[in-house]
Amino acid sequence: MVFFVVIIVSNTLFVIKETERAVMLRFGQVVNADIEPGLHWKIPWVNTVRVFDARIQTE
């Protein structure tokens, strides 16, 4: 029982680093276009999060 609770909680929380930005999708549609750094939550198996590097790229 405790094992299942740990799995659900670990799928609910996610962290965005200072050098990253993220987009949250709900069933493939954009719900939140710019997630700031920090600890956030999502609905497991409904929302997905795509994380992008926000640092300036130079050649």
PDB file of N, CA and C in Angstrom:
ATOM      1  N   MET A   1       0.824  -1.196   0.000  1.00  0.00           N
ATOM      2  CA  MET A   1       0.000   0.000   0.000  1.00  0.00           C
ATOM      3  C   MET A   1       0.871   1.265   0.000  1.00  0.00           C
ATOM      4  N   VAL A   2       1.862   1.286   0.867  1.00  0.00           N
ATOM      5  CA  VAL A   2       2.756   2.441   0.944  1.00  0.00           C
ATOM      6  C   VAL A   2       3.515   2.603  -0.372  1.00  0.00           C
ATOM      7  N   PHE A   3       3.856   1.512  -0.995  1.00  0.00           N
ATOM      8  CA  PHE A   3       4.568   1.540  -2.270  1.00  0.00           C
ATOM      9  C   PHE A   3       3.764   2.284  -3.330  1.00  0.00           C
ATOM     10  N   PHE A   4       2.473   2.019  -3.405  1.00  0.00           N
ATOM     11  CA  PHE A   4       1.620   2.685  -4.392  1.00  0.00           C
ATOM     12  C   PHE A   4       1.478   4.173  -4.111  1.00  0.00           C
ATOM     13  N   VAL A   5       1.410   4.553  -2.857  1.00  0.00           N
ATOM     14  CA  VAL A   5       1.329   5.970  -2.490  1.00  0.00           C
ATOM     15  C   VAL A   5       2.609   6.686  -2.901  1.00  0.00           C
ATOM     16  N   VAL A   6       3.748   6.075  -2.682  1.00  0.00           N
ATOM     17  CA  VAL A   6       5.033   6.671  -3.065  1.00  0.00           C
ATOM     18  C   VAL A   6       5.105   6.842  -4.582  1.00  0.00           C
ATOM     19  N   ILE A   7       4.641   5.877  -5.335  1.00  0.00           N
ATOM     20  CA  ILE A   7       4.656   5.977  -6.800  1.00  0.00           C
ATOM     21  C   ILE A   7       3.753   7.108  -7.273  1.00  0.00           C
ATOM     22  N   ILE A   8       2.565   7.220  -6.712  1.00  0.00           N
ATOM     23  CA  ILE A   8       1.635   8.279  -7.124  1.00  0.00           C
ATOM     24  C   ILE A   8       2.194   9.654  -6.785  1.00  0.00           C
ATOM     25  N   VAL A   9       2.742   9.824  -5.592  1.00  0.00           N
ATOM     26  CA  VAL A   9       3.305  11.121  -5.196  1.00  0.00           C
ATOM     27  C   VAL A   9       4.512  11.464  -6.058  1.00  0.00           C
ATOM     28  N   SER A  10       5.347  10.496  -6.380  1.00  0.00           N
ATOM     29  CA  SER A  10       6.522  10.784  -7.209  1.00  0.00           C
ATOM     30  C   SER A  10       6.121  11.157  -8.636  1.00  0.00           C
ATOM     31  N   ASN A  11       4.993  10.686  -9.111  1.00  0.00           N
ATOM     32  CA  ASN A  11       4.503  11.070 -10.435  1.00  0.00           C
ATOM     33  C   ASN A  11       3.734  12.382 -10.409  1.00  0.00           C
ATOM     34  N   THR A  12       3.417  12.886  -9.241  1.00  0.00           N
ATOM     35  CA  THR A  12       2.643  14.118  -9.105  1.00  0.00           C
ATOM     36  C   THR A  12       3.541  15.350  -9.049  1.00  0.00           C
ATOM     37  N   LEU A  13       4.684  15.260  -8.392  1.00  0.00           N
ATOM     38  CA  LEU A  13       5.568  16.411  -8.206  1.00  0.00           C
ATOM     39  C   LEU A  13       6.674  16.427  -9.252  1.00  0.00           C
ATOM     40  N   PHE A  14       7.064  17.642  -9.665  1.00  0.00           N
ATOM     41  CA  PHE A  14       8.210  17.792 -10.557  1.00  0.00           C
ATOM     42  C   PHE A  14       8.906  19.109 -10.250  1.00  0.00           C
ATOM     43  N   VAL A  15      10.204  19.174 -10.564  1.00  0.00           N
ATOM     44  CA  VAL A  15      11.030  20.346 -10.266  1.00  0.00           C
ATOM     45  C   VAL A  15      11.566  20.922 -11.569  1.00  0.00           C
ATOM     46  N   ILE A  16      11.451  22.247 -11.702  1.00  0.00           N
ATOM     47  CA  ILE A  16      12.040  22.963 -12.824  1.00  0.00           C
ATOM     48  C   ILE A  16      13.232  23.744 -12.279  1.00  0.00           C
ATOM     49  N   LYS A  17      14.411  23.536 -12.863  1.00  0.00           N
ATOM     50  CA  LYS A  17      15.629  24.211 -12.411  1.00  0.00           C
ATOM     51  C   LYS A  17      15.648  25.659 -12.896  1.00  0.00           C
ATOM     52  N   GLU A  18      16.567  26.449 -12.342  1.00  0.00           N
ATOM     53  CA  GLU A  18      16.702  27.865 -12.715  1.00  0.00           C
ATOM     54  C   GLU A  18      17.048  28.048 -14.188  1.00  0.00           C
ATOM     55  N   THR A  19      17.732  27.086 -14.770  1.00  0.00           N
ATOM     56  CA  THR A  19      18.156  27.204 -16.170  1.00  0.00           C
ATOM     57  C   THR A  19      17.159  26.570 -17.135  1.00  0.00           C
ATOM     58  N   GLU A  20      15.972  26.236 -16.649  1.00  0.00           N
ATOM     59  CA  GLU A  20      14.977  25.563 -17.479  1.00  0.00           C
ATOM     60  C   GLU A  20      13.645  26.304 -17.478  1.00  0.00           C
ATOM     61  N   ARG A  21      12.859  26.035 -18.483  1.00  0.00           N
ATOM     62  CA  ARG A  21      11.459  26.450 -18.549  1.00  0.00           C
ATOM     63  C   ARG A  21      10.687  25.217 -18.995  1.00  0.00           C
ATOM     64  N   ALA A  22       9.401  25.203 -18.746  1.00  0.00           N
ATOM     65  CA  ALA A  22       8.616  24.022 -19.090  1.00  0.00           C
ATOM     66  C   ALA A  22       7.247  24.408 -19.620  1.00  0.00           C
ATOM     67  N   VAL A  23       6.660  23.469 -20.341  1.00  0.00           N
ATOM     68  CA  VAL A  23       5.310  23.604 -20.865  1.00  0.00           C
ATOM     69  C   VAL A  23       4.514  22.406 -20.363  1.00  0.00           C
ATOM     70  N   MET A  24       3.320  22.669 -19.816  1.00  0.00           N
ATOM     71  CA  MET A  24       2.471  21.584 -19.347  1.00  0.00           C
ATOM     72  C   MET A  24       1.386  21.302 -20.379  1.00  0.00           C
ATOM     73  N   LEU A  25       1.233  20.030 -20.698  1.00  0.00           N
ATOM     74  CA  LEU A  25       0.234  19.590 -21.661  1.00  0.00           C
ATOM     75  C   LEU A  25      -0.808  18.723 -20.958  1.00  0.00           C
ATOM     76  N   ARG A  26      -2.055  18.895 -21.323  1.00  0.00           N
ATOM     77  CA  ARG A  26      -3.126  18.030 -20.828  1.00  0.00           C
ATOM     78  C   ARG A  26      -3.744  17.354 -22.038  1.00  0.00           C
ATOM     79  N   PHE A  27      -3.527  16.059 -22.157  1.00  0.00           N
ATOM     80  CA  PHE A  27      -3.980  15.272 -23.307  1.00  0.00           C
ATOM     81  C   PHE A  27      -3.493  15.882 -24.620  1.00  0.00           C
ATOM     82  N   GLY A  28      -2.252  16.413 -24.625  1.00  0.00           N
ATOM     83  CA  GLY A  28      -1.646  16.958 -25.830  1.00  0.00           C
ATOM     84  C   GLY A  28      -1.920  18.423 -26.108  1.00  0.00           C
ATOM     85  N   GLN A  29      -2.793  19.050 -25.341  1.00  0.00           N
ATOM     86  CA  GLN A  29      -3.108  20.470 -25.515  1.00  0.00           C
ATOM     87  C   GLN A  29      -2.353  21.290 -24.468  1.00  0.00           C
ATOM     88  N   VAL A  30      -1.817  22.437 -24.863  1.00  0.00           N
ATOM     89  CA  VAL A  30      -1.057  23.286 -23.944  1.00  0.00           C
ATOM     90  C   VAL A  30      -1.993  23.866 -22.891  1.00  0.00           C
ATOM     91  N   VAL A  31      -1.635  23.664 -21.618  1.00  0.00           N
ATOM     92  CA  VAL A  31      -2.406  24.194 -20.499  1.00  0.00           C
ATOM     93  C   VAL A  31      -1.676  25.375 -19.869  1.00  0.00           C
ATOM     94  N   ASN A  32      -0.364  25.237 -19.695  1.00  0.00           N
ATOM     95  CA  ASN A  32       0.460  26.283 -19.103  1.00  0.00           C
ATOM     96  C   ASN A  32       1.695  26.429 -19.989  1.00  0.00           C
ATOM     97  N   ALA A  33       1.840  27.586 -20.619  1.00  0.00           N
ATOM     98  CA  ALA A  33       2.874  27.752 -21.639  1.00  0.00           C
ATOM     99  C   ALA A  33       4.245  28.100 -21.082  1.00  0.00           C
ATOM    100  N   ASP A  34       4.346  28.634 -19.883  1.00  0.00           N
ATOM    101  CA  ASP A  34       5.652  29.013 -19.335  1.00  0.00           C
ATOM    102  C   ASP A  34       5.665  28.751 -17.838  1.00  0.00           C
ATOM    103  N   ILE A  35       6.205  27.604 -17.450  1.00  0.00           N
ATOM    104  CA  ILE A  35       6.282  27.244 -16.038  1.00  0.00           C
ATOM    105  C   ILE A  35       7.609  27.753 -15.494  1.00  0.00           C
ATOM    106  N   GLU A  36       7.547  28.541 -14.456  1.00  0.00           N
ATOM    107  CA  GLU A  36       8.727  29.128 -13.819  1.00  0.00           C
ATOM    108  C   GLU A  36       9.492  28.068 -13.020  1.00  0.00           C
ATOM    109  N   PRO A  37      10.752  28.354 -12.667  1.00  0.00           N
ATOM    110  CA  PRO A  37      11.534  27.425 -11.848  1.00  0.00           C
ATOM    111  C   PRO A  37      10.891  27.201 -10.484  1.00  0.00           C
ATOM    112  N   GLY A  38      11.072  25.997  -9.961  1.00  0.00           N
ATOM    113  CA  GLY A  38      10.556  25.662  -8.640  1.00  0.00           C
ATOM    114  C   GLY A  38       9.884  24.302  -8.624  1.00  0.00           C
ATOM    115  N   LEU A  39       9.230  24.008  -7.505  1.00  0.00           N
ATOM    116  CA  LEU A  39       8.515  22.756  -7.309  1.00  0.00           C
ATOM    117  C   LEU A  39       7.071  22.943  -7.752  1.00  0.00           C
ATOM    118  N   HIS A  40       6.583  22.026  -8.573  1.00  0.00           N
ATOM    119  CA  HIS A  40       5.228  22.119  -9.107  1.00  0.00           C
ATOM    120  C   HIS A  40       4.560  20.752  -9.017  1.00  0.00           C
ATOM    121  N   TRP A  41       3.254  20.719  -9.226  1.00  0.00           N
ATOM    122  CA  TRP A  41       2.533  19.453  -9.231  1.00  0.00           C
ATOM    123  C   TRP A  41       1.741  19.320 -10.522  1.00  0.00           C
ATOM    124  N   LYS A  42       1.418  18.088 -10.841  1.00  0.00           N
ATOM    125  CA  LYS A  42       0.617  17.783 -12.024  1.00  0.00           C
ATOM    126  C   LYS A  42      -0.279  16.598 -11.703  1.00  0.00           C
ATOM    127  N   ILE A  43      -1.272  16.387 -12.541  1.00  0.00           N
ATOM    128  CA  ILE A  43      -2.147  15.231 -12.387  1.00  0.00           C
ATOM    129  C   ILE A  43      -1.499  14.067 -13.143  1.00  0.00           C
ATOM    130  N   PRO A  44      -1.132  13.002 -12.430  1.00  0.00           N
ATOM    131  CA  PRO A  44      -0.453  11.886 -13.099  1.00  0.00           C
ATOM    132  C   PRO A  44      -1.313  11.279 -14.205  1.00  0.00           C
ATOM    133  N   TRP A  45      -0.682  10.889 -15.278  1.00  0.00           N
ATOM    134  CA  TRP A  45      -1.283  10.230 -16.439  1.00  0.00           C
ATOM    135  C   TRP A  45      -2.258  11.116 -17.209  1.00  0.00           C
ATOM    136  N   VAL A  46      -2.489  12.343 -16.770  1.00  0.00           N
ATOM    137  CA  VAL A  46      -3.342  13.291 -17.489  1.00  0.00           C
ATOM    138  C   VAL A  46      -2.479  14.407 -18.053  1.00  0.00           C
ATOM    139  N   ASN A  47      -1.644  15.001 -17.195  1.00  0.00           N
ATOM    140  CA  ASN A  47      -0.752  16.082 -17.609  1.00  0.00           C
ATOM    141  C   ASN A  47       0.640  15.524 -17.889  1.00  0.00           C
ATOM    142  N   THR A  48       1.281  16.066 -18.919  1.00  0.00           N
ATOM    143  CA  THR A  48       2.689  15.777 -19.170  1.00  0.00           C
ATOM    144  C   THR A  48       3.438  17.101 -19.198  1.00  0.00           C
ATOM    145  N   VAL A  49       4.701  17.055 -18.841  1.00  0.00           N
ATOM    146  CA  VAL A  49       5.516  18.264 -18.778  1.00  0.00           C
ATOM    147  C   VAL A  49       6.696  18.098 -19.722  1.00  0.00           C
ATOM    148  N   ARG A  50       6.911  19.083 -20.572  1.00  0.00           N
ATOM    149  CA  ARG A  50       8.068  19.125 -21.462  1.00  0.00           C
ATOM    150  C   ARG A  50       9.001  20.205 -20.941  1.00  0.00           C
ATOM    151  N   VAL A  51      10.241  19.833 -20.653  1.00  0.00           N
ATOM    152  CA  VAL A  51      11.223  20.748 -20.079  1.00  0.00           C
ATOM    153  C   VAL A  51      12.205  21.167 -21.167  1.00  0.00           C
ATOM    154  N   PHE A  52      12.509  22.475 -21.196  1.00  0.00           N
ATOM    155  CA  PHE A  52      13.421  23.041 -22.187  1.00  0.00           C
ATOM    156  C   PHE A  52      14.525  23.816 -21.485  1.00  0.00           C
ATOM    157  N   ASP A  53      15.718  23.808 -22.091  1.00  0.00           N
ATOM    158  CA  ASP A  53      16.844  24.578 -21.578  1.00  0.00           C
ATOM    159  C   ASP A  53      16.613  26.051 -21.915  1.00  0.00           C
ATOM    160  N   ALA A  54      16.683  26.924 -20.912  1.00  0.00           N
ATOM    161  CA  ALA A  54      16.401  28.348 -21.118  1.00  0.00           C
ATOM    162  C   ALA A  54      17.666  29.189 -21.245  1.00  0.00           C
ATOM    163  N   ARG A  55      18.837  28.559 -21.194  1.00  0.00           N
ATOM    164  CA  ARG A  55      20.077  29.320 -21.320  1.00  0.00           C
ATOM    165  C   ARG A  55      20.250  29.814 -22.744  1.00  0.00           C
ATOM    166  N   ILE A  56      20.957  30.906 -22.888  1.00  0.00           N
ATOM    167  CA  ILE A  56      21.219  31.478 -24.206  1.00  0.00           C
ATOM    168  C   ILE A  56      22.221  30.589 -24.937  1.00  0.00           C
ATOM    169  N   GLN A  57      21.875  30.202 -26.144  1.00  0.00           N
ATOM    170  CA  GLN A  57      22.745  29.354 -26.957  1.00  0.00           C
ATOM    171  C   GLN A  57      23.585  30.237 -27.876  1.00  0.00           C
ATOM    172  N   THR A  58      24.902  30.042 -27.867  1.00  0.00           N
ATOM    173  CA  THR A  58      25.792  30.792 -28.755  1.00  0.00           C
ATOM    174  C   THR A  58      26.636  29.809 -29.547  1.00  0.00           C
ATOM    175  N   GLU A  59      27.107  30.261 -30.674  1.00  0.00           N
ATOM    176  CA  GLU A  59      27.945  29.394 -31.512  1.00  0.00           C
ATOM    177  C   GLU A  59      29.379  29.819 -31.445  1.00  0.00           C
TER     178      GLU A  59
END
